[in-house]
Amino acid sequence: MTRVVLSIGSNLGDRLARLQSVVDGLGDALIAVSPVYETAPWGRVEQAPFLNAVLIADDPALDGQGWLRRAQEFEAAAGRIRGERWGPRTLDVDLIACRTADEEVLSRENNLTLPHPLAHLRAFVLVPWLAIDPDATLTVAGGPRRVAELLAELDPADRQAVQLSRHTLNHSSWPDRESKS
């Protein structure tokens, strides 16, 4: 079993449809979908607000590199062009953390760092993650930490910039529900 936490975001075009494309693409591997939040852009580039969500998925056939390939496939299908760092995106799919049945996957490869090295600084990752996994932990310098503690350490303005939206993401394989959030 390889479980992954994915942060998804979009601020170009039909933002909700782009997030929904990841939910649809994960199919039965999807375990949990956070509510959708609207957030101010992160970084130094002026741009439109993002829609963000966090997904938890599980696929025994995928390791960290496999999840990275899936994330890049979703981005490519949405027309993602890697341009300006922290610039506008049709779709951004980040691997935040990955676990096997026994342990957290740690990676320092050229193309993949796990856990995500900036996740603990991003309220737009931590807020939706906590909404679907209140006991979540993330390994940072010094070892594993509760995500709730990491979020509490962020600037209040960063936390307040993550606003619950009226949008929802739907997973067709969840019976009798329009969305799981």
N, C-alpha and C. Protein backbone atom coordinates (compact mmCIF):
# COMPACT_ATOMS: atom_id res chain seq x y z
N MET A 1 0.83 -1.17 0.00
CA MET A 1 0.00 0.00 0.00
C MET A 1 0.89 1.24 0.00
N THR A 2 0.59 2.20 -0.90
CA THR A 2 1.26 3.48 -0.91
C THR A 2 0.20 4.57 -0.89
N ARG A 3 0.14 5.29 0.21
CA ARG A 3 -0.85 6.35 0.39
C ARG A 3 -0.15 7.69 0.20
N VAL A 4 -0.83 8.59 -0.52
CA VAL A 4 -0.25 9.88 -0.82
C VAL A 4 -1.21 10.99 -0.42
N VAL A 5 -0.63 12.11 0.00
CA VAL A 5 -1.38 13.33 0.23
C VAL A 5 -1.01 14.26 -0.91
N LEU A 6 -2.02 14.68 -1.67
CA LEU A 6 -1.81 15.58 -2.81
C LEU A 6 -2.47 16.92 -2.54
N SER A 7 -1.75 17.98 -2.84
CA SER A 7 -2.32 19.32 -2.80
C SER A 7 -2.58 19.73 -4.24
N ILE A 8 -3.81 20.16 -4.53
CA ILE A 8 -4.14 20.55 -5.90
C ILE A 8 -4.61 22.00 -5.90
N GLY A 9 -4.25 22.73 -6.94
CA GLY A 9 -4.65 24.12 -7.03
C GLY A 9 -4.71 24.59 -8.47
N SER A 10 -5.52 25.61 -8.70
CA SER A 10 -5.66 26.20 -10.03
C SER A 10 -6.09 27.65 -9.89
N ASN A 11 -5.53 28.52 -10.75
CA ASN A 11 -6.00 29.90 -10.79
C ASN A 11 -6.15 30.43 -12.21
N LEU A 12 -6.21 29.53 -13.18
CA LEU A 12 -6.43 29.92 -14.57
C LEU A 12 -7.57 29.10 -15.16
N GLY A 13 -8.40 29.75 -15.96
CA GLY A 13 -9.48 29.05 -16.64
C GLY A 13 -10.55 28.57 -15.67
N ASP A 14 -11.15 27.43 -15.99
CA ASP A 14 -12.19 26.85 -15.14
C ASP A 14 -11.50 26.12 -13.99
N ARG A 15 -11.24 26.86 -12.94
CA ARG A 15 -10.44 26.35 -11.82
C ARG A 15 -11.05 25.09 -11.21
N LEU A 16 -12.35 25.11 -10.97
CA LEU A 16 -12.99 23.96 -10.35
C LEU A 16 -12.93 22.72 -11.24
N ALA A 17 -13.14 22.90 -12.53
CA ALA A 17 -13.08 21.76 -13.46
C ALA A 17 -11.67 21.16 -13.48
N ARG A 18 -10.67 21.98 -13.36
CA ARG A 18 -9.30 21.46 -13.35
C ARG A 18 -9.04 20.63 -12.08
N LEU A 19 -9.54 21.10 -10.93
CA LEU A 19 -9.40 20.31 -9.71
C LEU A 19 -10.19 19.01 -9.83
N GLN A 20 -11.40 19.12 -10.38
CA GLN A 20 -12.24 17.94 -10.54
C GLN A 20 -11.58 16.90 -11.44
N SER A 21 -10.78 17.35 -12.40
CA SER A 21 -10.12 16.40 -13.31
C SER A 21 -9.17 15.48 -12.55
N VAL A 22 -8.57 15.97 -11.48
CA VAL A 22 -7.68 15.12 -10.68
C VAL A 22 -8.51 14.11 -9.88
N VAL A 23 -9.58 14.58 -9.28
CA VAL A 23 -10.48 13.68 -8.54
C VAL A 23 -10.96 12.56 -9.47
N ASP A 24 -11.41 12.94 -10.66
CA ASP A 24 -11.90 11.95 -11.62
C ASP A 24 -10.79 11.01 -12.05
N GLY A 25 -9.60 11.56 -12.27
CA GLY A 25 -8.47 10.76 -12.72
C GLY A 25 -7.99 9.75 -11.69
N LEU A 26 -8.16 10.06 -10.43
CA LEU A 26 -7.74 9.13 -9.38
C LEU A 26 -8.72 7.98 -9.20
N GLY A 27 -9.97 8.20 -9.56
CA GLY A 27 -10.97 7.13 -9.51
C GLY A 27 -11.04 6.45 -8.16
N ASP A 28 -11.00 5.12 -8.19
CA ASP A 28 -11.15 4.33 -6.97
C ASP A 28 -9.96 4.41 -6.02
N ALA A 29 -8.85 4.99 -6.48
CA ALA A 29 -7.69 5.16 -5.59
C ALA A 29 -7.94 6.26 -4.56
N LEU A 30 -8.93 7.10 -4.82
CA LEU A 30 -9.20 8.24 -3.94
C LEU A 30 -9.84 7.78 -2.64
N ILE A 31 -9.28 8.26 -1.54
CA ILE A 31 -9.77 7.92 -0.20
C ILE A 31 -10.51 9.09 0.44
N ALA A 32 -9.99 10.30 0.26
CA ALA A 32 -10.60 11.48 0.91
C ALA A 32 -10.39 12.72 0.05
N VAL A 33 -11.38 13.61 0.09
CA VAL A 33 -11.35 14.87 -0.65
C VAL A 33 -11.71 15.98 0.33
N SER A 34 -10.85 16.97 0.42
CA SER A 34 -11.14 18.10 1.31
C SER A 34 -12.19 19.01 0.69
N PRO A 35 -12.74 19.90 1.49
CA PRO A 35 -13.51 21.00 0.91
C PRO A 35 -12.59 21.81 0.00
N VAL A 36 -13.19 22.63 -0.83
CA VAL A 36 -12.43 23.51 -1.73
C VAL A 36 -12.30 24.87 -1.04
N TYR A 37 -11.11 25.40 -1.08
CA TYR A 37 -10.81 26.70 -0.47
C TYR A 37 -10.35 27.66 -1.55
N GLU A 38 -10.67 28.93 -1.37
CA GLU A 38 -10.12 29.96 -2.23
C GLU A 38 -9.03 30.67 -1.45
N THR A 39 -7.89 30.83 -2.10
CA THR A 39 -6.73 31.38 -1.40
C THR A 39 -6.02 32.42 -2.25
N ALA A 40 -5.44 33.34 -1.56
CA ALA A 40 -4.59 34.32 -2.23
C ALA A 40 -3.36 33.60 -2.76
N PRO A 41 -2.80 34.07 -3.88
CA PRO A 41 -1.60 33.42 -4.41
C PRO A 41 -0.44 33.49 -3.43
N TRP A 42 0.41 32.48 -3.48
CA TRP A 42 1.57 32.37 -2.60
C TRP A 42 2.81 32.70 -3.41
N GLY A 43 3.68 33.48 -2.90
CA GLY A 43 4.87 33.88 -3.64
C GLY A 43 4.82 35.36 -3.96
N ARG A 44 5.62 35.76 -4.89
CA ARG A 44 5.77 37.19 -5.15
C ARG A 44 5.17 37.65 -6.47
N VAL A 45 4.41 36.80 -7.15
CA VAL A 45 3.87 37.14 -8.46
C VAL A 45 2.42 37.57 -8.33
N GLU A 46 2.07 38.73 -8.92
CA GLU A 46 0.69 39.19 -8.89
C GLU A 46 -0.14 38.34 -9.83
N GLN A 47 -1.28 37.81 -9.31
CA GLN A 47 -2.12 36.90 -10.10
C GLN A 47 -3.45 36.71 -9.41
N ALA A 48 -4.34 36.00 -10.09
CA ALA A 48 -5.68 35.73 -9.57
C ALA A 48 -5.63 34.74 -8.42
N PRO A 49 -6.67 34.70 -7.58
CA PRO A 49 -6.71 33.74 -6.47
C PRO A 49 -6.82 32.30 -6.98
N PHE A 50 -6.39 31.40 -6.12
CA PHE A 50 -6.43 29.97 -6.42
C PHE A 50 -7.64 29.32 -5.78
N LEU A 51 -8.10 28.24 -6.39
CA LEU A 51 -8.91 27.26 -5.70
C LEU A 51 -7.95 26.16 -5.31
N ASN A 52 -8.04 25.70 -4.06
CA ASN A 52 -7.15 24.65 -3.55
C ASN A 52 -7.95 23.59 -2.83
N ALA A 53 -7.41 22.38 -2.86
CA ALA A 53 -7.96 21.26 -2.09
C ALA A 53 -6.84 20.28 -1.82
N VAL A 54 -7.09 19.36 -0.91
CA VAL A 54 -6.16 18.28 -0.62
C VAL A 54 -6.89 16.96 -0.81
N LEU A 55 -6.19 16.02 -1.41
CA LEU A 55 -6.72 14.68 -1.66
C LEU A 55 -5.82 13.66 -0.99
N ILE A 56 -6.42 12.59 -0.52
CA ILE A 56 -5.65 11.44 -0.03
C ILE A 56 -6.03 10.27 -0.92
N ALA A 57 -5.01 9.61 -1.47
CA ALA A 57 -5.25 8.49 -2.38
C ALA A 57 -4.33 7.34 -2.00
N ASP A 58 -4.69 6.16 -2.48
CA ASP A 58 -3.93 4.96 -2.17
C ASP A 58 -3.87 4.08 -3.40
N ASP A 59 -2.67 3.68 -3.77
CA ASP A 59 -2.50 2.75 -4.89
C ASP A 59 -1.28 1.89 -4.60
N PRO A 60 -1.49 0.59 -4.38
CA PRO A 60 -0.37 -0.28 -4.03
C PRO A 60 0.67 -0.41 -5.14
N ALA A 61 0.31 -0.04 -6.37
CA ALA A 61 1.24 -0.18 -7.48
C ALA A 61 2.18 1.02 -7.63
N LEU A 62 1.93 2.10 -6.89
CA LEU A 62 2.71 3.32 -7.07
C LEU A 62 3.63 3.58 -5.89
N ASP A 63 4.85 3.99 -6.20
CA ASP A 63 5.78 4.49 -5.19
C ASP A 63 5.84 6.02 -5.36
N GLY A 64 6.75 6.68 -4.70
CA GLY A 64 6.86 8.13 -4.81
C GLY A 64 7.03 8.60 -6.24
N GLN A 65 7.91 7.96 -6.99
CA GLN A 65 8.12 8.35 -8.39
C GLN A 65 6.87 8.08 -9.23
N GLY A 66 6.17 7.01 -8.92
CA GLY A 66 4.93 6.73 -9.63
C GLY A 66 3.87 7.79 -9.38
N TRP A 67 3.75 8.24 -8.13
CA TRP A 67 2.82 9.31 -7.81
C TRP A 67 3.24 10.61 -8.49
N LEU A 68 4.55 10.86 -8.55
CA LEU A 68 5.02 12.06 -9.24
C LEU A 68 4.63 12.02 -10.72
N ARG A 69 4.80 10.87 -11.36
CA ARG A 69 4.40 10.74 -12.77
C ARG A 69 2.90 11.00 -12.93
N ARG A 70 2.09 10.44 -12.03
CA ARG A 70 0.64 10.68 -12.11
C ARG A 70 0.34 12.17 -11.97
N ALA A 71 0.97 12.84 -11.01
CA ALA A 71 0.74 14.27 -10.81
C ALA A 71 1.10 15.05 -12.07
N GLN A 72 2.23 14.73 -12.67
CA GLN A 72 2.65 15.43 -13.88
C GLN A 72 1.73 15.14 -15.07
N GLU A 73 1.16 13.93 -15.11
CA GLU A 73 0.19 13.60 -16.16
C GLU A 73 -1.06 14.46 -16.01
N PHE A 74 -1.55 14.62 -14.78
CA PHE A 74 -2.71 15.47 -14.55
C PHE A 74 -2.42 16.91 -14.97
N GLU A 75 -1.25 17.41 -14.60
CA GLU A 75 -0.87 18.78 -14.97
C GLU A 75 -0.78 18.94 -16.48
N ALA A 76 -0.16 17.99 -17.16
CA ALA A 76 -0.02 18.05 -18.62
C ALA A 76 -1.39 18.04 -19.30
N ALA A 77 -2.29 17.20 -18.82
CA ALA A 77 -3.64 17.11 -19.40
C ALA A 77 -4.39 18.44 -19.25
N ALA A 78 -4.05 19.21 -18.23
CA ALA A 78 -4.68 20.52 -18.00
C ALA A 78 -3.95 21.64 -18.72
N GLY A 79 -2.94 21.30 -19.51
CA GLY A 79 -2.19 22.31 -20.26
C GLY A 79 -1.19 23.08 -19.43
N ARG A 80 -0.72 22.49 -18.35
CA ARG A 80 0.25 23.16 -17.49
C ARG A 80 1.55 23.39 -18.23
N ILE A 81 2.00 24.61 -18.21
CA ILE A 81 3.30 24.98 -18.76
C ILE A 81 4.11 25.52 -17.60
N ARG A 82 5.28 24.94 -17.38
CA ARG A 82 6.12 25.39 -16.27
C ARG A 82 6.86 26.64 -16.70
N GLY A 83 6.43 27.75 -16.14
CA GLY A 83 7.04 29.03 -16.47
C GLY A 83 7.59 29.67 -15.22
N GLU A 84 7.04 30.82 -14.88
CA GLU A 84 7.52 31.59 -13.76
C GLU A 84 7.26 30.85 -12.44
N ARG A 85 8.29 30.80 -11.60
CA ARG A 85 8.15 30.15 -10.29
C ARG A 85 7.06 30.87 -9.49
N TRP A 86 6.14 30.09 -8.92
CA TRP A 86 5.01 30.59 -8.16
C TRP A 86 4.07 31.44 -9.00
N GLY A 87 4.13 31.26 -10.32
CA GLY A 87 3.26 32.01 -11.21
C GLY A 87 1.90 31.36 -11.38
N PRO A 88 1.04 31.93 -12.23
CA PRO A 88 -0.29 31.38 -12.46
C PRO A 88 -0.21 29.96 -13.03
N ARG A 89 -1.23 29.15 -12.70
CA ARG A 89 -1.22 27.75 -13.14
C ARG A 89 -2.60 27.29 -13.54
N THR A 90 -2.64 26.55 -14.65
CA THR A 90 -3.88 25.88 -14.99
C THR A 90 -4.16 24.82 -13.93
N LEU A 91 -3.11 24.10 -13.53
CA LEU A 91 -3.25 23.07 -12.50
C LEU A 91 -1.89 22.82 -11.87
N ASP A 92 -1.90 22.74 -10.57
CA ASP A 92 -0.70 22.40 -9.80
C ASP A 92 -1.06 21.20 -8.94
N VAL A 93 -0.31 20.12 -9.08
CA VAL A 93 -0.52 18.92 -8.26
C VAL A 93 0.79 18.63 -7.55
N ASP A 94 0.82 18.85 -6.25
CA ASP A 94 2.03 18.63 -5.45
C ASP A 94 1.88 17.40 -4.57
N LEU A 95 2.92 16.58 -4.51
CA LEU A 95 2.98 15.48 -3.55
C LEU A 95 3.45 16.09 -2.24
N ILE A 96 2.63 15.95 -1.20
CA ILE A 96 2.96 16.52 0.10
C ILE A 96 3.64 15.48 0.97
N ALA A 97 3.06 14.30 1.03
CA ALA A 97 3.62 13.22 1.84
C ALA A 97 3.17 11.90 1.25
N CYS A 98 3.96 10.88 1.50
CA CYS A 98 3.67 9.55 0.98
C CYS A 98 4.05 8.53 2.05
N ARG A 99 3.22 7.49 2.18
CA ARG A 99 3.48 6.45 3.19
C ARG A 99 3.28 5.08 2.58
N THR A 100 4.10 4.16 3.02
CA THR A 100 3.83 2.75 2.75
C THR A 100 3.05 2.23 3.95
N ALA A 101 2.75 0.96 3.95
CA ALA A 101 2.03 0.38 5.10
C ALA A 101 2.83 0.53 6.38
N ASP A 102 4.16 0.58 6.26
CA ASP A 102 5.03 0.56 7.44
C ASP A 102 5.64 1.90 7.83
N GLU A 103 5.85 2.79 6.84
CA GLU A 103 6.61 3.99 7.16
C GLU A 103 6.36 5.12 6.17
N GLU A 104 6.77 6.30 6.57
CA GLU A 104 6.73 7.45 5.70
C GLU A 104 7.84 7.32 4.65
N VAL A 105 7.51 7.70 3.42
CA VAL A 105 8.50 7.69 2.35
C VAL A 105 9.28 9.00 2.42
N LEU A 106 10.60 8.88 2.55
CA LEU A 106 11.48 10.04 2.54
C LEU A 106 12.27 10.00 1.26
N SER A 107 12.32 11.11 0.54
CA SER A 107 13.01 11.15 -0.74
C SER A 107 13.75 12.47 -0.89
N ARG A 108 14.97 12.39 -1.34
CA ARG A 108 15.78 13.58 -1.65
C ARG A 108 16.38 13.43 -3.04
N GLU A 109 15.57 12.94 -3.97
CA GLU A 109 16.03 12.77 -5.35
C GLU A 109 15.98 14.11 -6.07
N ASN A 110 16.68 14.22 -7.20
CA ASN A 110 16.71 15.48 -7.94
C ASN A 110 15.33 15.98 -8.33
N ASN A 111 14.43 15.05 -8.65
CA ASN A 111 13.11 15.47 -9.12
C ASN A 111 12.00 15.28 -8.08
N LEU A 112 12.32 14.79 -6.90
CA LEU A 112 11.29 14.53 -5.91
C LEU A 112 11.84 14.63 -4.49
N THR A 113 11.26 15.55 -3.72
CA THR A 113 11.59 15.68 -2.31
C THR A 113 10.33 15.37 -1.52
N LEU A 114 10.42 14.37 -0.68
CA LEU A 114 9.31 13.99 0.19
C LEU A 114 9.80 13.89 1.61
N PRO A 115 9.00 14.40 2.54
CA PRO A 115 7.80 15.19 2.32
C PRO A 115 8.14 16.51 1.62
N HIS A 116 7.09 17.15 1.09
CA HIS A 116 7.27 18.40 0.37
C HIS A 116 8.00 19.40 1.28
N PRO A 117 9.07 20.01 0.79
CA PRO A 117 9.91 20.84 1.67
C PRO A 117 9.28 22.15 2.15
N LEU A 118 8.20 22.60 1.50
CA LEU A 118 7.56 23.86 1.91
C LEU A 118 6.15 23.68 2.45
N ALA A 119 5.67 22.46 2.50
CA ALA A 119 4.28 22.21 2.92
C ALA A 119 3.98 22.81 4.28
N HIS A 120 4.92 22.73 5.20
CA HIS A 120 4.68 23.22 6.56
C HIS A 120 4.54 24.73 6.64
N LEU A 121 4.86 25.44 5.56
CA LEU A 121 4.76 26.89 5.50
C LEU A 121 3.52 27.36 4.77
N ARG A 122 2.73 26.43 4.24
CA ARG A 122 1.63 26.78 3.35
C ARG A 122 0.27 26.47 3.99
N ALA A 123 -0.40 27.52 4.42
CA ALA A 123 -1.72 27.35 5.00
C ALA A 123 -2.68 26.72 4.00
N PHE A 124 -2.50 27.01 2.71
CA PHE A 124 -3.42 26.45 1.70
C PHE A 124 -3.24 24.96 1.53
N VAL A 125 -2.20 24.38 2.10
CA VAL A 125 -2.03 22.93 2.16
C VAL A 125 -2.53 22.41 3.51
N LEU A 126 -2.12 23.05 4.58
CA LEU A 126 -2.41 22.55 5.93
C LEU A 126 -3.89 22.62 6.29
N VAL A 127 -4.57 23.72 5.94
CA VAL A 127 -5.98 23.87 6.30
C VAL A 127 -6.84 22.77 5.66
N PRO A 128 -6.76 22.57 4.33
CA PRO A 128 -7.59 21.51 3.75
C PRO A 128 -7.18 20.11 4.22
N TRP A 129 -5.89 19.90 4.46
CA TRP A 129 -5.43 18.59 4.93
C TRP A 129 -6.06 18.27 6.28
N LEU A 130 -6.05 19.23 7.18
CA LEU A 130 -6.65 19.00 8.50
C LEU A 130 -8.15 18.75 8.41
N ALA A 131 -8.80 19.31 7.41
CA ALA A 131 -10.24 19.10 7.25
C ALA A 131 -10.58 17.64 6.99
N ILE A 132 -9.66 16.89 6.40
CA ILE A 132 -9.93 15.47 6.11
C ILE A 132 -9.12 14.51 6.96
N ASP A 133 -8.11 15.04 7.65
CA ASP A 133 -7.28 14.18 8.51
C ASP A 133 -6.81 14.99 9.72
N PRO A 134 -7.68 15.15 10.72
CA PRO A 134 -7.34 15.98 11.88
C PRO A 134 -6.12 15.50 12.67
N ASP A 135 -5.72 14.25 12.50
CA ASP A 135 -4.56 13.72 13.21
C ASP A 135 -3.31 13.67 12.35
N ALA A 136 -3.34 14.33 11.20
CA ALA A 136 -2.22 14.28 10.26
C ALA A 136 -0.92 14.75 10.89
N THR A 137 0.17 14.11 10.46
CA THR A 137 1.52 14.53 10.85
C THR A 137 2.35 14.74 9.60
N LEU A 138 3.36 15.56 9.72
CA LEU A 138 4.27 15.85 8.63
C LEU A 138 5.68 15.90 9.19
N THR A 139 6.60 15.24 8.53
CA THR A 139 7.99 15.28 8.96
C THR A 139 8.65 16.57 8.46
N VAL A 140 9.18 17.32 9.39
CA VAL A 140 9.93 18.54 9.10
C VAL A 140 11.26 18.41 9.82
N ALA A 141 12.10 19.42 9.71
CA ALA A 141 13.37 19.36 10.43
C ALA A 141 13.08 19.10 11.90
N GLY A 142 13.73 18.12 12.46
CA GLY A 142 13.48 17.77 13.85
C GLY A 142 12.55 16.59 14.01
N GLY A 143 11.91 16.14 12.93
CA GLY A 143 11.07 14.95 13.02
C GLY A 143 9.61 15.22 12.74
N PRO A 144 8.78 14.20 12.97
CA PRO A 144 7.34 14.33 12.70
C PRO A 144 6.68 15.35 13.63
N ARG A 145 5.77 16.13 13.05
CA ARG A 145 5.00 17.13 13.82
C ARG A 145 3.54 17.03 13.42
N ARG A 146 2.67 17.33 14.35
CA ARG A 146 1.25 17.37 14.03
C ARG A 146 0.98 18.56 13.10
N VAL A 147 0.20 18.33 12.06
CA VAL A 147 -0.12 19.39 11.10
C VAL A 147 -0.85 20.53 11.81
N ALA A 148 -1.70 20.22 12.77
CA ALA A 148 -2.41 21.28 13.51
C ALA A 148 -1.43 22.21 14.21
N GLU A 149 -0.35 21.67 14.75
CA GLU A 149 0.67 22.51 15.40
C GLU A 149 1.40 23.38 14.39
N LEU A 150 1.73 22.80 13.24
CA LEU A 150 2.41 23.56 12.20
C LEU A 150 1.54 24.72 11.72
N LEU A 151 0.24 24.45 11.54
CA LEU A 151 -0.68 25.49 11.11
C LEU A 151 -0.77 26.60 12.15
N ALA A 152 -0.83 26.24 13.42
CA ALA A 152 -0.94 27.23 14.49
C ALA A 152 0.28 28.15 14.54
N GLU A 153 1.42 27.68 14.05
CA GLU A 153 2.64 28.49 14.06
C GLU A 153 2.72 29.48 12.90
N LEU A 154 1.84 29.35 11.92
CA LEU A 154 1.86 30.27 10.79
C LEU A 154 1.27 31.62 11.18
N ASP A 155 1.63 32.64 10.44
CA ASP A 155 1.10 33.97 10.65
C ASP A 155 -0.43 33.91 10.54
N PRO A 156 -1.16 34.54 11.46
CA PRO A 156 -2.62 34.52 11.38
C PRO A 156 -3.16 35.01 10.03
N ALA A 157 -2.50 35.97 9.42
CA ALA A 157 -2.96 36.46 8.12
C ALA A 157 -2.88 35.36 7.06
N ASP A 158 -1.87 34.50 7.13
CA ASP A 158 -1.76 33.39 6.18
C ASP A 158 -2.90 32.40 6.38
N ARG A 159 -3.23 32.11 7.63
CA ARG A 159 -4.34 31.19 7.90
C ARG A 159 -5.67 31.79 7.44
N GLN A 160 -5.87 33.08 7.70
CA GLN A 160 -7.13 33.73 7.34
C GLN A 160 -7.29 33.90 5.83
N ALA A 161 -6.19 33.83 5.09
CA ALA A 161 -6.25 33.97 3.63
C ALA A 161 -6.81 32.72 2.96
N VAL A 162 -6.97 31.64 3.71
CA VAL A 162 -7.52 30.39 3.18
C VAL A 162 -9.00 30.35 3.56
N GLN A 163 -9.84 30.66 2.57
CA GLN A 163 -11.27 30.80 2.82
C GLN A 163 -12.06 29.64 2.21
N LEU A 164 -12.92 29.03 3.00
CA LEU A 164 -13.78 27.97 2.50
C LEU A 164 -14.63 28.54 1.37
N SER A 165 -14.67 27.84 0.24
CA SER A 165 -15.46 28.32 -0.91
C SER A 165 -16.81 27.60 -0.93
N ARG A 166 -17.65 28.00 -1.84
CA ARG A 166 -18.96 27.36 -2.03
C ARG A 166 -18.86 26.16 -2.95
N HIS A 167 -17.69 25.92 -3.52
CA HIS A 167 -17.48 24.83 -4.48
C HIS A 167 -17.26 23.49 -3.78
N THR A 168 -17.61 22.41 -4.46
CA THR A 168 -17.32 21.08 -3.95
C THR A 168 -16.76 20.23 -5.09
N LEU A 169 -16.00 19.24 -4.71
CA LEU A 169 -15.48 18.26 -5.65
C LEU A 169 -16.27 16.97 -5.46
N ASN A 170 -16.64 16.35 -6.56
CA ASN A 170 -17.49 15.17 -6.53
C ASN A 170 -16.71 13.93 -6.93
N HIS A 171 -16.98 12.85 -6.24
CA HIS A 171 -16.38 11.56 -6.58
C HIS A 171 -17.51 10.59 -6.89
N SER A 172 -17.59 10.17 -8.13
CA SER A 172 -18.72 9.36 -8.59
C SER A 172 -18.82 8.00 -7.91
N SER A 173 -17.74 7.46 -7.37
CA SER A 173 -17.83 6.14 -6.77
C SER A 173 -18.30 6.17 -5.31
N TRP A 174 -18.51 7.38 -4.76
CA TRP A 174 -19.06 7.46 -3.41
C TRP A 174 -20.57 7.49 -3.52
N PRO A 175 -21.25 6.41 -3.15
CA PRO A 175 -22.70 6.34 -3.34
C PRO A 175 -23.46 7.34 -2.47
N ASP A 176 -24.58 7.80 -3.02
CA ASP A 176 -25.53 8.65 -2.30
C ASP A 176 -24.93 9.95 -1.79
N ARG A 177 -23.87 10.42 -2.41
CA ARG A 177 -23.27 11.69 -1.99
C ARG A 177 -22.83 12.45 -3.21
N GLU A 178 -23.02 13.75 -3.18
CA GLU A 178 -22.52 14.57 -4.26
C GLU A 178 -21.04 14.82 -4.09
N SER A 179 -20.58 14.90 -2.87
CA SER A 179 -19.15 15.08 -2.62
C SER A 179 -18.83 14.51 -1.25
N LYS A 180 -17.58 14.16 -1.08
CA LYS A 180 -17.10 13.72 0.23
C LYS A 180 -16.17 14.81 0.70
N SER A 181 -16.57 15.49 1.75
CA SER A 181 -15.72 16.58 2.23
C SER A 181 -15.77 16.70 3.72
